Amino acid sequence: MPRSQDVAEAAGAAGKSWNTRNLGLRVGADAIAAGAAGVLVAPIITAIDKGIIENASGRSTLGDSLRASLKQMVGRPTAFFGSKPFGLIFALYFGTYLTANTIDTASSTLHNTPLPSTTAGPSKFLATSSSNLALCLYKDNRFTQMFGSPSAAARPVPLPTFALFTIRDCLTIFASFNLPAVLAPHVDARMGDQLKRYMSGASTAQFVTPAAVQLVSTPLHLLGLDLYNRPGVLAQERAARVVRDWAKSAVARMGRIVPAFGVGGVVNAKVRGGLMARLE
């Protein structure tokens, strides 16, 4: 008897069946949703990430850097959207959302659940975190070298900086892909009927949790940048620099996270859900 038949009979005996109908189209829908979210959020995040790093390195103030990016975005769109920084940011969020989407598709295939269904378990966190970390650390390495201190541009990014960036990104991923699904029912139960007409508990949680975690993750980000830009500085001086830039950098990072995992998360979920509903 063929091995595949043995596996099928075993699955049937256990009361399980895989749903592989339109699997190729479903993966295509995952990619379309990830691409829609990525191309929507990448412009503003490119400008903010560049501004935060240039401000930390002393190349420019945050405001001047943001204005320069906006001017290029409007005045020379081909140069902006064809640039390496924009490509790095788009690849980061496309890859992150595609990983999350395909985990949901794999789960609906293996457990024969509705195609638009999503998950919030440890497998999704681990897969999405791994994808995001690999892409984000590469992006941060390139951004830090492109927009960091001119005197340190030729140096490799030190391991402590990578470690801090890793913790920062794990916090963000957990607050973006796992916490919203857990908190959504509680938020929905406490929202009035009037508010529910405009935004669901799931959408509210998707906006709030990634932004709120930036209050904790921003000091890690600033410390990582300072370790690269100012090697050998005393701990007290580093702490003073982090405290100095904490408030405005946290606001800026909230400004990038809300589109990245708030707006982007909602768009990704809506596009994927709509396409999956059609396929189902």
Protein backbone atom coordinates (compact mmCIF):
# COMPACT_ATOMS: atom_id res chain seq x y z
CA MET A 1 0.00 0.00 0.00
CA PRO A 2 1.48 3.43 -0.88
CA ARG A 3 2.79 5.47 2.01
CA SER A 4 0.60 8.49 1.11
CA GLN A 5 -2.49 6.28 1.41
CA ASP A 6 -1.34 5.11 4.84
CA VAL A 7 -1.01 8.75 5.92
CA ALA A 8 -4.43 9.64 4.51
CA GLU A 9 -6.07 6.67 6.28
CA ALA A 10 -4.34 7.57 9.53
CA ALA A 11 -5.57 11.14 9.28
CA GLY A 12 -9.08 9.92 8.54
CA ALA A 13 -8.97 7.55 11.48
CA ALA A 14 -8.03 10.41 13.75
CA GLY A 15 -11.02 12.38 12.52
CA LYS A 16 -8.92 14.93 10.64
CA SER A 17 -8.78 15.99 7.02
CA TRP A 18 -6.67 18.54 5.27
CA ASN A 19 -8.31 21.28 3.21
CA THR A 20 -6.01 21.87 0.23
CA ARG A 21 -8.69 23.30 -2.06
CA ASN A 22 -7.39 26.32 -4.03
CA LEU A 23 -4.17 26.18 -2.00
CA GLY A 24 -2.11 27.88 -4.70
CA LEU A 25 -4.63 30.71 -5.01
CA ARG A 26 -4.74 31.04 -1.23
CA VAL A 27 -0.96 31.51 -1.07
CA GLY A 28 -1.31 34.03 -3.88
CA ALA A 29 -3.92 35.88 -1.82
CA ASP A 30 -1.50 35.86 1.12
CA ALA A 31 1.15 37.49 -1.09
CA ILE A 32 -1.26 40.09 -2.52
CA ALA A 33 -2.41 41.11 0.96
CA ALA A 34 1.20 41.33 2.21
CA GLY A 35 2.21 43.37 -0.84
CA ALA A 36 -0.72 45.78 -0.40
CA ALA A 37 0.20 46.35 3.24
CA GLY A 38 3.92 46.65 2.47
CA VAL A 39 3.62 49.21 -0.33
CA LEU A 40 1.17 51.27 1.73
CA VAL A 41 3.33 51.58 4.85
CA ALA A 42 6.85 51.58 3.40
CA PRO A 43 7.06 55.30 2.39
CA ILE A 44 6.34 56.80 5.81
CA ILE A 45 8.40 54.18 7.63
CA THR A 46 11.39 54.79 5.35
CA ALA A 47 11.28 58.49 6.20
CA ILE A 48 10.84 57.94 9.95
CA ASP A 49 13.55 55.26 10.28
CA LYS A 50 16.01 57.44 8.39
CA GLY A 51 15.08 60.44 10.55
CA ILE A 52 15.52 58.61 13.86
CA ILE A 53 18.94 57.26 12.89
CA GLU A 54 20.16 60.59 11.46
CA ASN A 55 18.99 62.37 14.62
CA ALA A 56 20.77 59.86 16.86
CA SER A 57 24.00 60.11 14.86
CA GLY A 58 23.99 63.91 14.62
CA ARG A 59 23.73 64.00 10.83
CA SER A 60 20.44 65.90 10.98
CA THR A 61 17.59 66.76 13.28
CA LEU A 62 14.53 64.51 13.17
CA GLY A 63 12.38 67.29 11.72
CA ASP A 64 14.88 68.28 9.00
CA SER A 65 15.36 64.67 7.95
CA LEU A 66 11.61 64.06 7.72
CA ARG A 67 11.16 67.22 5.63
CA ALA A 68 13.98 66.19 3.29
CA SER A 69 12.42 62.73 2.78
CA LEU A 70 8.97 64.22 2.16
CA LYS A 71 10.42 66.68 -0.33
CA GLN A 72 12.11 63.84 -2.23
CA MET A 73 8.96 61.69 -2.05
CA VAL A 74 6.88 64.45 -3.68
CA GLY A 75 9.46 66.14 -5.89
CA ARG A 76 11.47 63.13 -7.04
CA PRO A 77 9.22 60.10 -6.51
CA THR A 78 11.22 57.88 -8.88
CA ALA A 79 14.39 58.46 -6.87
CA PHE A 80 12.60 57.89 -3.55
CA PHE A 81 10.60 54.78 -4.46
CA GLY A 82 13.52 53.32 -6.40
CA SER A 83 15.99 53.85 -3.58
CA LYS A 84 17.65 51.15 -1.51
CA PRO A 85 16.12 52.41 1.79
CA PHE A 86 12.58 52.12 0.39
CA GLY A 87 13.34 48.68 -1.05
CA LEU A 88 14.68 47.48 2.29
CA ILE A 89 11.60 48.67 4.18
CA PHE A 90 9.18 47.19 1.64
CA ALA A 91 10.99 43.83 1.74
CA LEU A 92 10.88 43.88 5.55
CA TYR A 93 7.11 44.32 5.84
CA PHE A 94 6.19 42.26 2.80
CA GLY A 95 8.20 39.36 4.21
CA THR A 96 6.80 39.76 7.72
CA TYR A 97 3.15 39.89 6.62
CA LEU A 98 3.63 37.09 4.10
CA THR A 99 5.03 34.85 6.83
CA ALA A 100 2.11 35.61 9.15
CA ASN A 101 -0.39 35.02 6.35
CA THR A 102 1.08 31.73 5.22
CA ILE A 103 1.09 30.48 8.82
CA ASP A 104 -2.65 31.20 8.94
CA THR A 105 -3.13 29.44 5.59
CA ALA A 106 -1.13 26.43 6.77
CA SER A 107 -3.24 26.28 9.93
CA SER A 108 -6.53 26.42 8.01
CA THR A 109 -5.21 23.71 5.68
CA LEU A 110 -4.09 21.35 8.44
CA HIS A 111 -7.09 21.88 10.71
CA ASN A 112 -9.74 22.33 7.99
CA THR A 113 -10.94 25.67 9.39
CA PRO A 114 -12.52 28.53 7.36
CA LEU A 115 -10.07 30.05 4.89
CA PRO A 116 -10.16 33.61 6.33
CA SER A 117 -9.43 32.35 9.88
CA THR A 118 -6.30 33.52 11.72
CA THR A 119 -4.21 32.10 14.56
CA ALA A 120 -2.43 33.57 17.59
CA GLY A 121 -0.36 30.67 18.89
CA PRO A 122 3.36 30.23 19.58
CA SER A 123 4.06 28.82 16.10
CA LYS A 124 2.89 32.06 14.52
CA PHE A 125 4.94 34.13 16.94
CA LEU A 126 8.09 32.09 16.34
CA ALA A 127 7.76 32.06 12.55
CA THR A 128 6.83 35.73 12.23
CA SER A 129 9.49 36.80 14.74
CA SER A 130 12.18 34.82 12.91
CA SER A 131 11.22 36.33 9.55
CA ASN A 132 10.92 39.85 10.93
CA LEU A 133 14.16 39.60 12.91
CA ALA A 134 16.22 38.37 9.99
CA LEU A 135 14.87 41.05 7.64
CA CYS A 136 14.85 43.83 10.24
CA LEU A 137 18.38 43.17 11.48
CA TYR A 138 19.65 43.29 7.91
CA LYS A 139 17.69 46.50 7.32
CA ASP A 140 18.96 48.04 10.57
CA ASN A 141 22.52 47.07 9.72
CA ARG A 142 22.28 48.81 6.34
CA PHE A 143 20.38 51.86 7.68
CA THR A 144 22.82 52.30 10.57
CA GLN A 145 25.75 52.26 8.16
CA MET A 146 24.04 54.52 5.60
CA PHE A 147 22.68 57.12 8.01
CA GLY A 148 24.73 56.65 11.19
CA SER A 149 27.73 58.62 12.37
CA PRO A 150 30.01 59.44 9.38
CA SER A 151 33.09 58.51 11.43
CA ALA A 152 31.62 55.07 12.19
CA ALA A 153 30.20 54.33 8.75
CA ALA A 154 32.86 51.75 7.90
CA ARG A 155 32.48 49.79 11.17
CA PRO A 156 30.43 46.61 11.43
CA VAL A 157 27.42 46.88 13.73
CA PRO A 158 28.44 45.42 17.15
CA LEU A 159 26.76 42.35 18.61
CA PRO A 160 25.26 44.22 21.61
CA THR A 161 23.44 46.48 19.16
CA PHE A 162 22.07 43.45 17.31
CA ALA A 163 20.99 41.93 20.64
CA LEU A 164 19.12 45.09 21.65
CA PHE A 165 17.47 45.32 18.24
CA THR A 166 16.43 41.66 18.56
CA ILE A 167 14.69 42.23 21.90
CA ARG A 168 13.07 45.38 20.51
CA ASP A 169 11.67 43.51 17.52
CA CYS A 170 10.43 40.53 19.58
CA LEU A 171 8.42 42.93 21.73
CA THR A 172 6.96 44.61 18.66
CA ILE A 173 6.08 41.35 16.91
CA PHE A 174 4.40 39.94 20.01
CA ALA A 175 2.38 43.14 20.41
CA SER A 176 1.49 43.21 16.70
CA PHE A 177 0.59 39.62 15.79
CA ASN A 178 -0.28 37.87 19.07
CA LEU A 179 -1.64 40.37 21.59
CA PRO A 180 -4.34 41.90 19.33
CA ALA A 181 -6.08 38.54 18.86
CA VAL A 182 -5.95 37.92 22.62
CA LEU A 183 -7.14 41.39 23.63
CA ALA A 184 -9.74 41.89 20.88
CA PRO A 185 -12.64 40.11 22.69
CA HIS A 186 -11.99 42.11 25.87
CA VAL A 187 -11.79 45.40 23.97
CA ASP A 188 -14.91 44.55 21.99
CA ALA A 189 -16.85 43.76 25.19
CA ARG A 190 -16.03 47.20 26.59
CA MET A 191 -16.77 49.22 23.45
CA GLY A 192 -20.13 50.93 23.14
CA ASP A 193 -22.46 50.22 20.24
CA GLN A 194 -21.72 53.63 18.74
CA LEU A 195 -17.98 52.97 18.60
CA LYS A 196 -18.50 49.50 17.15
CA ARG A 197 -20.18 51.11 14.15
CA TYR A 198 -16.83 52.65 13.20
CA MET A 199 -14.18 50.24 14.49
CA SER A 200 -14.19 46.71 15.85
CA GLY A 201 -12.38 45.54 18.96
CA ALA A 202 -9.93 43.66 16.76
CA SER A 203 -9.03 46.79 14.76
CA THR A 204 -8.73 48.86 17.93
CA ALA A 205 -6.39 46.33 19.54
CA GLN A 206 -4.38 46.14 16.31
CA PHE A 207 -3.76 49.89 16.45
CA VAL A 208 -3.17 50.31 20.19
CA THR A 209 -0.93 47.42 21.25
CA PRO A 210 1.95 47.89 18.75
CA ALA A 211 2.04 51.62 19.53
CA ALA A 212 1.95 51.17 23.32
CA VAL A 213 4.89 48.76 23.37
CA GLN A 214 7.13 51.46 21.84
CA LEU A 215 7.32 53.12 25.25
CA VAL A 216 9.34 50.09 26.35
CA SER A 217 11.20 49.25 23.13
CA THR A 218 12.37 52.76 22.15
CA PRO A 219 15.10 52.97 24.86
CA LEU A 220 16.47 49.65 23.59
CA HIS A 221 16.57 51.06 20.06
CA LEU A 222 18.32 54.27 21.15
CA LEU A 223 20.86 52.40 23.26
CA GLY A 224 21.68 50.11 20.34
CA LEU A 225 22.25 53.08 18.05
CA ASP A 226 24.42 54.84 20.65
CA LEU A 227 26.62 51.75 21.06
CA TYR A 228 27.31 51.96 17.33
CA ASN A 229 27.68 55.73 17.02
CA ARG A 230 29.76 56.35 20.18
CA PRO A 231 31.96 53.38 21.11
CA GLY A 232 33.72 53.62 24.47
CA VAL A 233 31.35 56.15 26.04
CA LEU A 234 30.60 55.86 29.77
CA ALA A 235 27.30 54.29 30.82
CA GLN A 236 26.11 57.53 32.45
CA GLU A 237 26.60 59.42 29.19
CA ARG A 238 24.70 56.76 27.25
CA ALA A 239 21.83 56.87 29.74
CA ALA A 240 21.68 60.66 29.45
CA ARG A 241 21.55 60.45 25.63
CA VAL A 242 18.78 57.82 25.74
CA VAL A 243 16.73 59.88 28.21
CA ARG A 244 17.25 63.00 26.10
CA ASP A 245 15.92 61.39 22.91
CA TRP A 246 13.36 59.02 24.48
CA ALA A 247 10.20 61.13 24.22
CA LYS A 248 10.53 62.38 20.64
CA SER A 249 11.90 59.06 19.41
CA ALA A 250 9.06 57.14 21.09
CA VAL A 251 6.52 59.41 19.39
CA ALA A 252 8.31 58.94 16.07
CA ARG A 253 8.42 55.17 16.50
CA MET A 254 4.74 55.14 17.38
CA GLY A 255 4.27 57.11 14.17
CA ARG A 256 6.00 54.32 12.23
CA ILE A 257 4.46 51.42 14.14
CA VAL A 258 0.87 52.61 13.75
CA PRO A 259 1.14 52.47 9.95
CA ALA A 260 3.43 49.42 9.97
CA PHE A 261 1.43 47.10 12.21
CA GLY A 262 -1.71 49.15 12.81
CA VAL A 263 -2.77 50.42 9.38
CA GLY A 264 -0.70 47.74 7.67
CA GLY A 265 -2.12 45.04 9.92
CA VAL A 266 -5.70 46.13 9.27
CA VAL A 267 -5.13 46.40 5.50
CA ASN A 268 -3.40 43.03 5.40
CA ALA A 269 -6.22 41.41 7.39
CA LYS A 270 -8.99 43.05 5.34
CA VAL A 271 -7.43 42.24 1.94
CA ARG A 272 -6.58 38.67 2.94
CA GLY A 273 -9.99 38.12 4.54
CA GLY A 274 -11.83 39.44 1.47
CA LEU A 275 -9.81 37.34 -0.97
CA MET A 276 -10.12 34.20 1.17
CA ALA A 277 -13.87 34.69 1.50
CA ARG A 278 -14.15 34.76 -2.29
CA LEU A 279 -12.07 31.61 -2.62
CA GLU A 280 -14.19 29.88 0.00
